[in-house]
Amino acid sequence: MSIISWIILGLLAGAIAKFLLPGRDPGGLIGTTLIGVAGAFIGGWISSRWLDRPISKDFYDTATWVSAIGGALVLLIVYRVFFGDSRSRR
């Protein structure tokens, strides 16, 4: 897959992660989508590096989607742990 398709996959993974973890995020929509893009890259890298699952050239590969969504979920949880209460203090 090209970088453009990873960015599109990341945007969709960020939206799915936001759907699975509802609530207020400190970064809003832009922050969540950027976390989704970063999660797609990190999830794909972890999947290919340590889980011995090569990244497919097909955009509709299930393992690619699961790793991208999983990476976005992990990053969203970490982001909420470190910056989750920044809005409530104002």
Protein backbone atom coordinates (compact mmCIF):
# COMPACT_ATOMS: atom_id res chain seq x y z
CA MET A 1 0.00 0.00 0.00
CA SER A 2 1.11 3.55 -0.62
CA ILE A 3 1.46 6.29 1.96
CA ILE A 4 -1.81 7.85 0.76
CA SER A 5 -3.72 4.63 1.38
CA TRP A 6 -2.15 4.35 4.86
CA ILE A 7 -3.31 7.89 5.63
CA ILE A 8 -6.84 7.07 4.43
CA LEU A 9 -6.76 3.84 6.44
CA GLY A 10 -5.55 5.82 9.46
CA LEU A 11 -8.36 8.35 9.14
CA LEU A 12 -10.89 5.54 9.03
CA ALA A 13 -9.15 3.68 11.87
CA GLY A 14 -9.24 6.86 13.97
CA ALA A 15 -12.96 7.23 13.33
CA ILE A 16 -13.58 3.60 14.26
CA ALA A 17 -11.44 3.95 17.40
CA LYS A 18 -13.41 7.06 18.36
CA PHE A 19 -16.64 5.12 17.82
CA LEU A 20 -15.39 2.25 20.01
CA LEU A 21 -14.14 4.64 22.73
CA PRO A 22 -16.76 7.38 22.96
CA GLY A 23 -16.23 10.39 25.14
CA ARG A 24 -14.51 13.73 25.10
CA ASP A 25 -11.01 13.75 23.75
CA PRO A 26 -8.60 16.54 24.57
CA GLY A 27 -7.59 16.91 20.91
CA GLY A 28 -11.05 16.89 19.37
CA LEU A 29 -11.68 15.65 15.85
CA ILE A 30 -8.32 16.70 14.42
CA GLY A 31 -6.37 15.15 17.27
CA THR A 32 -8.33 11.91 17.01
CA THR A 33 -7.73 11.62 13.28
CA LEU A 34 -4.02 12.29 13.71
CA ILE A 35 -3.93 9.62 16.40
CA GLY A 36 -5.68 7.30 13.94
CA VAL A 37 -3.09 7.92 11.25
CA ALA A 38 -0.22 7.41 13.71
CA GLY A 39 -1.95 4.30 15.09
CA ALA A 40 -2.30 2.85 11.61
CA PHE A 41 1.41 3.28 10.97
CA ILE A 42 2.43 1.94 14.37
CA GLY A 43 -0.04 -0.95 14.29
CA GLY A 44 1.10 -1.94 10.81
CA TRP A 45 4.73 -1.74 11.82
CA ILE A 46 4.19 -3.87 14.94
CA SER A 47 2.17 -6.38 12.94
CA SER A 48 4.86 -6.79 10.32
CA ARG A 49 7.82 -6.62 12.69
CA TRP A 50 6.89 -8.73 15.71
CA LEU A 51 3.73 -10.64 14.81
CA ASP A 52 5.26 -11.99 11.60
CA ARG A 53 2.26 -10.81 9.61
CA PRO A 54 3.44 -8.97 6.51
CA ILE A 55 1.48 -5.95 5.44
CA SER A 56 -0.64 -6.80 2.47
CA LYS A 57 -0.64 -4.83 -0.74
CA ASP A 58 -4.42 -5.10 -0.68
CA PHE A 59 -6.30 -2.25 1.01
CA TYR A 60 -9.06 -4.60 2.22
CA ASP A 61 -6.89 -7.05 4.15
CA THR A 62 -8.50 -7.89 7.50
CA ALA A 63 -5.22 -8.17 9.42
CA THR A 64 -4.14 -4.75 8.17
CA TRP A 65 -7.39 -3.18 9.32
CA VAL A 66 -7.27 -4.90 12.72
CA SER A 67 -3.69 -3.80 13.32
CA ALA A 68 -4.48 -0.21 12.27
CA ILE A 69 -7.57 0.00 14.48
CA GLY A 70 -5.72 -1.65 17.36
CA GLY A 71 -2.86 0.82 17.05
CA ALA A 72 -5.31 3.73 16.99
CA LEU A 73 -7.12 2.39 20.07
CA VAL A 74 -3.89 1.99 22.01
CA LEU A 75 -2.71 5.49 21.10
CA LEU A 76 -6.12 6.98 21.93
CA ILE A 77 -6.10 5.30 25.35
CA VAL A 78 -2.54 6.48 26.05
CA TYR A 79 -3.47 9.99 24.90
CA ARG A 80 -6.49 10.04 27.21
CA VAL A 81 -4.43 8.81 30.16
CA PHE A 82 -1.85 11.58 29.78
CA PHE A 83 -4.02 14.45 28.54
CA GLY A 84 -7.59 13.36 29.29
CA ASP A 85 -8.36 15.78 32.09
CA SER A 86 -6.95 18.90 30.43
CA ARG A 87 -10.41 20.15 29.42
CA SER A 88 -12.05 19.59 32.80
CA ARG A 89 -9.65 21.94 34.62
CA ARG A 90 -10.73 25.01 32.68
